[in-house]
């Protein structure tokens, strides 16, 4: 590991990771999907649309979790 990175505190390292992640997320368009990836996404979307089960409302799930605590 680079000595400069090793010298950073945990908080500083986490901040650096957050900044890197945000910069990657902002540049997602520059990472084109392969044909195989696009086909797989299309397949999954088709399966989701035909399934009819679109999951549960987040509020209900969170309420259920809170009741267990």
PDB file of N, CA and C in Angstrom:
ATOM      1  N   UNK A   1       0.849  -1.174   0.000  1.00  0.00           N
ATOM      2  CA  UNK A   1       0.000   0.000   0.000  1.00  0.00           C
ATOM      3  C   UNK A   1       0.893   1.235   0.000  1.00  0.00           C
ATOM      4  N   UNK A   2       0.499   2.233  -0.723  1.00  0.00           N
ATOM      5  CA  UNK A   2       1.227   3.485  -0.779  1.00  0.00           C
ATOM      6  C   UNK A   2       1.366   4.061   0.632  1.00  0.00           C
ATOM      7  N   UNK A   3       2.549   4.576   0.966  1.00  0.00           N
ATOM      8  CA  UNK A   3       2.802   5.096   2.310  1.00  0.00           C
ATOM      9  C   UNK A   3       1.855   6.230   2.669  1.00  0.00           C
ATOM     10  N   UNK A   4       1.505   7.058   1.690  1.00  0.00           N
ATOM     11  CA  UNK A   4       0.580   8.163   1.952  1.00  0.00           C
ATOM     12  C   UNK A   4      -0.805   7.635   2.342  1.00  0.00           C
ATOM     13  N   UNK A   5      -1.257   6.603   1.657  1.00  0.00           N
ATOM     14  CA  UNK A   5      -2.555   6.019   1.982  1.00  0.00           C
ATOM     15  C   UNK A   5      -2.521   5.333   3.337  1.00  0.00           C
ATOM     16  N   UNK A   6      -1.419   4.670   3.616  1.00  0.00           N
ATOM     17  CA  UNK A   6      -1.284   3.957   4.886  1.00  0.00           C
ATOM     18  C   UNK A   6      -1.327   4.927   6.064  1.00  0.00           C
ATOM     19  N   UNK A   7      -0.842   6.141   5.863  1.00  0.00           N
ATOM     20  CA  UNK A   7      -0.791   7.135   6.932  1.00  0.00           C
ATOM     21  C   UNK A   7      -2.148   7.770   7.227  1.00  0.00           C
ATOM     22  N   UNK A   8      -3.111   7.610   6.339  1.00  0.00           N
ATOM     23  CA  UNK A   8      -4.428   8.210   6.544  1.00  0.00           C
ATOM     24  C   UNK A   8      -5.179   7.516   7.676  1.00  0.00           C
ATOM     25  N   UNK A   9      -6.006   8.283   8.367  1.00  0.00           N
ATOM     26  CA  UNK A   9      -6.865   7.701   9.401  1.00  0.00           C
ATOM     27  C   UNK A   9      -7.997   6.932   8.720  1.00  0.00           C
ATOM     28  N   UNK A  10      -8.693   6.129   9.488  1.00  0.00           N
ATOM     29  CA  UNK A  10      -9.834   5.387   8.949  1.00  0.00           C
ATOM     30  C   UNK A  10     -10.862   6.354   8.377  1.00  0.00           C
ATOM     31  N   UNK A  11     -11.141   7.437   9.106  1.00  0.00           N
ATOM     32  CA  UNK A  11     -12.113   8.423   8.634  1.00  0.00           C
ATOM     33  C   UNK A  11     -11.690   9.018   7.297  1.00  0.00           C
ATOM     34  N   UNK A  12     -10.396   9.328   7.168  1.00  0.00           N
ATOM     35  CA  UNK A  12      -9.889   9.897   5.916  1.00  0.00           C
ATOM     36  C   UNK A  12      -9.974   8.885   4.776  1.00  0.00           C
ATOM     37  N   UNK A  13      -9.679   7.634   5.078  1.00  0.00           N
ATOM     38  CA  UNK A  13      -9.780   6.586   4.058  1.00  0.00           C
ATOM     39  C   UNK A  13     -11.218   6.408   3.600  1.00  0.00           C
ATOM     40  N   UNK A  14     -12.153   6.419   4.551  1.00  0.00           N
ATOM     41  CA  UNK A  14     -13.564   6.290   4.192  1.00  0.00           C
ATOM     42  C   UNK A  14     -14.023   7.470   3.343  1.00  0.00           C
ATOM     43  N   UNK A  15     -13.565   8.672   3.684  1.00  0.00           N
ATOM     44  CA  UNK A  15     -13.917   9.852   2.897  1.00  0.00           C
ATOM     45  C   UNK A  15     -13.378   9.710   1.477  1.00  0.00           C
ATOM     46  N   UNK A  16     -12.164   9.223   1.343  1.00  0.00           N
ATOM     47  CA  UNK A  16     -11.563   9.023   0.026  1.00  0.00           C
ATOM     48  C   UNK A  16     -12.357   8.003  -0.783  1.00  0.00           C
ATOM     49  N   UNK A  17     -12.760   6.920  -0.144  1.00  0.00           N
ATOM     50  CA  UNK A  17     -13.563   5.900  -0.826  1.00  0.00           C
ATOM     51  C   UNK A  17     -14.887   6.495  -1.290  1.00  0.00           C
ATOM     52  N   UNK A  18     -15.536   7.280  -0.433  1.00  0.00           N
ATOM     53  CA  UNK A  18     -16.803   7.915  -0.813  1.00  0.00           C
ATOM     54  C   UNK A  18     -16.618   8.825  -2.021  1.00  0.00           C
ATOM     55  N   UNK A  19     -15.557   9.620  -2.006  1.00  0.00           N
ATOM     56  CA  UNK A  19     -15.306  10.532  -3.121  1.00  0.00           C
ATOM     57  C   UNK A  19     -15.021   9.764  -4.408  1.00  0.00           C
ATOM     58  N   UNK A  20     -14.253   8.682  -4.303  1.00  0.00           N
ATOM     59  CA  UNK A  20     -13.979   7.856  -5.481  1.00  0.00           C
ATOM     60  C   UNK A  20     -15.263   7.234  -6.019  1.00  0.00           C
ATOM     61  N   UNK A  21     -16.093   6.709  -5.114  1.00  0.00           N
ATOM     62  CA  UNK A  21     -17.344   6.075  -5.531  1.00  0.00           C
ATOM     63  C   UNK A  21     -18.250   7.086  -6.219  1.00  0.00           C
ATOM     64  N   UNK A  22     -18.353   8.292  -5.667  1.00  0.00           N
ATOM     65  CA  UNK A  22     -19.186   9.329  -6.272  1.00  0.00           C
ATOM     66  C   UNK A  22     -18.672   9.703  -7.661  1.00  0.00           C
ATOM     67  N   UNK A  23     -17.351   9.744  -7.826  1.00  0.00           N
ATOM     68  CA  UNK A  23     -16.803  10.087  -9.141  1.00  0.00           C
ATOM     69  C   UNK A  23     -17.068   8.968 -10.147  1.00  0.00           C
ATOM     70  N   UNK A  24     -17.029   7.723  -9.694  1.00  0.00           N
ATOM     71  CA  UNK A  24     -17.350   6.594 -10.580  1.00  0.00           C
ATOM     72  C   UNK A  24     -18.821   6.641 -10.961  1.00  0.00           C
ATOM     73  N   UNK A  25     -19.685   6.886  -9.978  1.00  0.00           N
ATOM     74  CA  UNK A  25     -21.125   6.946 -10.245  1.00  0.00           C
ATOM     75  C   UNK A  25     -21.454   8.059 -11.224  1.00  0.00           C
ATOM     76  N   UNK A  26     -20.746   9.180 -11.127  1.00  0.00           N
ATOM     77  CA  UNK A  26     -21.001  10.309 -12.024  1.00  0.00           C
ATOM     78  C   UNK A  26     -20.575   9.997 -13.451  1.00  0.00           C
ATOM     79  N   UNK A  27     -19.634   9.079 -13.614  1.00  0.00           N
ATOM     80  CA  UNK A  27     -19.103   8.753 -14.942  1.00  0.00           C
ATOM     81  C   UNK A  27     -19.627   7.427 -15.480  1.00  0.00           C
ATOM     82  N   UNK A  28     -20.754   6.951 -14.988  1.00  0.00           N
ATOM     83  CA  UNK A  28     -21.268   5.650 -15.411  1.00  0.00           C
ATOM     84  C   UNK A  28     -21.484   5.569 -16.911  1.00  0.00           C
ATOM     85  N   UNK A  29     -21.854   6.665 -17.525  1.00  0.00           N
ATOM     86  CA  UNK A  29     -22.125   6.644 -18.962  1.00  0.00           C
ATOM     87  C   UNK A  29     -20.871   6.317 -19.762  1.00  0.00           C
ATOM     88  N   UNK A  30     -19.700   6.550 -19.169  1.00  0.00           N
ATOM     89  CA  UNK A  30     -18.465   6.268 -19.893  1.00  0.00           C
ATOM     90  C   UNK A  30     -18.080   4.790 -19.840  1.00  0.00           C
ATOM     91  N   UNK A  31     -18.870   3.979 -19.133  1.00  0.00           N
ATOM     92  CA  UNK A  31     -18.633   2.537 -19.069  1.00  0.00           C
ATOM     93  C   UNK A  31     -19.723   1.829 -19.863  1.00  0.00           C
ATOM     94  N   UNK A  32     -19.508   1.659 -21.156  1.00  0.00           N
ATOM     95  CA  UNK A  32     -20.549   1.047 -21.984  1.00  0.00           C
ATOM     96  C   UNK A  32     -20.748  -0.427 -21.635  1.00  0.00           C
ATOM     97  N   UNK A  33     -21.993  -0.872 -21.789  1.00  0.00           N
ATOM     98  CA  UNK A  33     -22.311  -2.279 -21.564  1.00  0.00           C
ATOM     99  C   UNK A  33     -21.947  -3.096 -22.795  1.00  0.00           C
ATOM    100  N   UNK A  34     -21.501  -4.317 -22.548  1.00  0.00           N
ATOM    101  CA  UNK A  34     -21.262  -5.234 -23.658  1.00  0.00           C
ATOM    102  C   UNK A  34     -22.617  -5.725 -24.165  1.00  0.00           C
ATOM    103  N   UNK A  35     -22.632  -6.330 -25.329  1.00  0.00           N
ATOM    104  CA  UNK A  35     -23.871  -6.900 -25.864  1.00  0.00           C
ATOM    105  C   UNK A  35     -24.435  -7.958 -24.919  1.00  0.00           C
ATOM    106  N   UNK A  36     -23.548  -8.767 -24.327  1.00  0.00           N
ATOM    107  CA  UNK A  36     -23.982  -9.808 -23.401  1.00  0.00           C
ATOM    108  C   UNK A  36     -24.628  -9.198 -22.156  1.00  0.00           C
ATOM    109  N   UNK A  37     -24.038  -8.129 -21.627  1.00  0.00           N
ATOM    110  CA  UNK A  37     -24.611  -7.477 -20.455  1.00  0.00           C
ATOM    111  C   UNK A  37     -25.973  -6.868 -20.775  1.00  0.00           C
ATOM    112  N   UNK A  38     -26.074  -6.234 -21.920  1.00  0.00           N
ATOM    113  CA  UNK A  38     -27.336  -5.622 -22.336  1.00  0.00           C
ATOM    114  C   UNK A  38     -28.422  -6.695 -22.500  1.00  0.00           C
ATOM    115  N   UNK A  39     -28.056  -7.829 -23.102  1.00  0.00           N
ATOM    116  CA  UNK A  39     -29.011  -8.928 -23.279  1.00  0.00           C
ATOM    117  C   UNK A  39     -29.470  -9.481 -21.931  1.00  0.00           C
ATOM    118  N   UNK A  40     -28.536  -9.610 -20.994  1.00  0.00           N
ATOM    119  CA  UNK A  40     -28.891 -10.119 -19.670  1.00  0.00           C
ATOM    120  C   UNK A  40     -29.816  -9.143 -18.948  1.00  0.00           C
ATOM    121  N   UNK A  41     -29.548  -7.865 -19.038  1.00  0.00           N
ATOM    122  CA  UNK A  41     -30.434  -6.876 -18.424  1.00  0.00           C
ATOM    123  C   UNK A  41     -31.824  -6.918 -19.044  1.00  0.00           C
ATOM    124  N   UNK A  42     -31.875  -7.030 -20.357  1.00  0.00           N
ATOM    125  CA  UNK A  42     -33.171  -7.137 -21.033  1.00  0.00           C
ATOM    126  C   UNK A  42     -33.922  -8.385 -20.579  1.00  0.00           C
ATOM    127  N   UNK A  43     -33.211  -9.500 -20.445  1.00  0.00           N
ATOM    128  CA  UNK A  43     -33.830 -10.745 -19.998  1.00  0.00           C
ATOM    129  C   UNK A  43     -34.400 -10.585 -18.593  1.00  0.00           C
ATOM    130  N   UNK A  44     -33.625  -9.968 -17.706  1.00  0.00           N
ATOM    131  CA  UNK A  44     -34.079  -9.782 -16.330  1.00  0.00           C
ATOM    132  C   UNK A  44     -35.275  -8.837 -16.257  1.00  0.00           C
ATOM    133  N   UNK A  45     -35.262  -7.778 -17.054  1.00  0.00           N
ATOM    134  CA  UNK A  45     -36.404  -6.863 -17.077  1.00  0.00           C
ATOM    135  C   UNK A  45     -37.653  -7.553 -17.600  1.00  0.00           C
ATOM    136  N   UNK A  46     -37.491  -8.357 -18.642  1.00  0.00           N
ATOM    137  CA  UNK A  46     -38.632  -9.109 -19.176  1.00  0.00           C
ATOM    138  C   UNK A  46     -39.193 -10.056 -18.120  1.00  0.00           C
ATOM    139  N   UNK A  47     -38.307 -10.738 -17.407  1.00  0.00           N
ATOM    140  CA  UNK A  47     -38.736 -11.665 -16.356  1.00  0.00           C
ATOM    141  C   UNK A  47     -39.450 -10.910 -15.236  1.00  0.00           C
ATOM    142  N   UNK A  48     -38.920  -9.763 -14.868  1.00  0.00           N
ATOM    143  CA  UNK A  48     -39.548  -8.940 -13.831  1.00  0.00           C
ATOM    144  C   UNK A  48     -40.941  -8.496 -14.256  1.00  0.00           C
ATOM    145  N   UNK A  49     -41.056  -8.033 -15.496  1.00  0.00           N
ATOM    146  CA  UNK A  49     -42.349  -7.566 -16.004  1.00  0.00           C
ATOM    147  C   UNK A  49     -43.377  -8.692 -16.080  1.00  0.00           C
ATOM    148  N   UNK A  50     -42.949  -9.887 -16.450  1.00  0.00           N
ATOM    149  CA  UNK A  50     -43.890 -10.997 -16.611  1.00  0.00           C
ATOM    150  C   UNK A  50     -44.226 -11.681 -15.287  1.00  0.00           C
ATOM    151  N   UNK A  51     -43.409 -11.489 -14.271  1.00  0.00           N
ATOM    152  CA  UNK A  51     -43.599 -12.152 -12.981  1.00  0.00           C
ATOM    153  C   UNK A  51     -44.845 -11.654 -12.255  1.00  0.00           C
ATOM    154  N   UNK A  52     -45.081 -10.369 -12.266  1.00  0.00           N
ATOM    155  CA  UNK A  52     -46.227  -9.813 -11.562  1.00  0.00           C
ATOM    156  C   UNK A  52     -45.975  -9.542 -10.089  1.00  0.00           C
ATOM    157  N   UNK A  53     -44.932 -10.133  -9.515  1.00  0.00           N
ATOM    158  CA  UNK A  53     -44.594  -9.896  -8.109  1.00  0.00           C
ATOM    159  C   UNK A  53     -43.502  -8.839  -8.061  1.00  0.00           C
ATOM    160  N   UNK A  54     -43.882  -7.634  -7.727  1.00  0.00           N
ATOM    161  CA  UNK A  54     -42.925  -6.532  -7.732  1.00  0.00           C
ATOM    162  C   UNK A  54     -42.381  -6.241  -6.344  1.00  0.00           C
ATOM    163  N   UNK A  55     -42.436  -7.224  -5.484  1.00  0.00           N
ATOM    164  CA  UNK A  55     -41.839  -7.084  -4.165  1.00  0.00           C
ATOM    165  C   UNK A  55     -42.761  -6.423  -3.164  1.00  0.00           C
ATOM    166  N   UNK A  56     -42.148  -5.930  -2.106  1.00  0.00           N
ATOM    167  CA  UNK A  56     -42.900  -5.331  -1.012  1.00  0.00           C
ATOM    168  C   UNK A  56     -42.537  -3.864  -0.863  1.00  0.00           C
ATOM    169  N   UNK A  57     -43.450  -3.105  -0.311  1.00  0.00           N
ATOM    170  CA  UNK A  57     -43.230  -1.697  -0.040  1.00  0.00           C
ATOM    171  C   UNK A  57     -42.160  -1.548   1.043  1.00  0.00           C
ATOM    172  N   UNK A  58     -41.215  -0.649   0.841  1.00  0.00           N
ATOM    173  CA  UNK A  58     -40.112  -0.475   1.785  1.00  0.00           C
ATOM    174  C   UNK A  58     -40.602  -0.093   3.174  1.00  0.00           C
ATOM    175  N   UNK A  59     -41.631   0.723   3.256  1.00  0.00           N
ATOM    176  CA  UNK A  59     -42.154   1.144   4.558  1.00  0.00           C
ATOM    177  C   UNK A  59     -42.626  -0.057   5.365  1.00  0.00           C
ATOM    178  N   UNK A  60     -43.329  -0.963   4.724  1.00  0.00           N
ATOM    179  CA  UNK A  60     -43.797  -2.162   5.412  1.00  0.00           C
ATOM    180  C   UNK A  60     -42.655  -3.040   5.877  1.00  0.00           C
ATOM    181  N   UNK A  61     -41.642  -3.172   5.057  1.00  0.00           N
ATOM    182  CA  UNK A  61     -40.477  -3.987   5.420  1.00  0.00           C
ATOM    183  C   UNK A  61     -39.760  -3.360   6.614  1.00  0.00           C
ATOM    184  N   UNK A  62     -39.567  -2.044   6.582  1.00  0.00           N
ATOM    185  CA  UNK A  62     -38.896  -1.367   7.694  1.00  0.00           C
ATOM    186  C   UNK A  62     -39.707  -1.479   8.980  1.00  0.00           C
ATOM    187  N   UNK A  63     -41.018  -1.349   8.884  1.00  0.00           N
ATOM    188  CA  UNK A  63     -41.872  -1.515  10.067  1.00  0.00           C
ATOM    189  C   UNK A  63     -41.725  -2.911  10.654  1.00  0.00           C
ATOM    190  N   UNK A  64     -41.678  -3.909   9.792  1.00  0.00           N
ATOM    191  CA  UNK A  64     -41.518  -5.293  10.248  1.00  0.00           C
ATOM    192  C   UNK A  64     -40.177  -5.485  10.956  1.00  0.00           C
ATOM    193  N   UNK A  65     -39.139  -4.902  10.412  1.00  0.00           N
ATOM    194  CA  UNK A  65     -37.807  -5.005  11.035  1.00  0.00           C
ATOM    195  C   UNK A  65     -37.808  -4.324  12.393  1.00  0.00           C
ATOM    196  N   UNK A  66     -38.400  -3.143  12.470  1.00  0.00           N
ATOM    197  CA  UNK A  66     -38.443  -2.407  13.743  1.00  0.00           C
ATOM    198  C   UNK A  66     -39.202  -3.191  14.813  1.00  0.00           C
ATOM    199  N   UNK A  67     -40.236  -3.896  14.428  1.00  0.00           N
ATOM    200  CA  UNK A  67     -41.009  -4.683  15.392  1.00  0.00           C
ATOM    201  C   UNK A  67     -40.177  -5.826  15.964  1.00  0.00           C
ATOM    202  N   UNK A  68     -39.245  -6.312  15.190  1.00  0.00           N
ATOM    203  CA  UNK A  68     -38.405  -7.427  15.651  1.00  0.00           C
ATOM    204  C   UNK A  68     -37.308  -6.969  16.607  1.00  0.00           C
ATOM    205  N   UNK A  69     -36.991  -5.691  16.579  1.00  0.00           N
ATOM    206  CA  UNK A  69     -35.894  -5.184  17.425  1.00  0.00           C
ATOM    207  C   UNK A  69     -36.326  -4.974  18.853  1.00  0.00           C
TER     208      UNK A  69
END
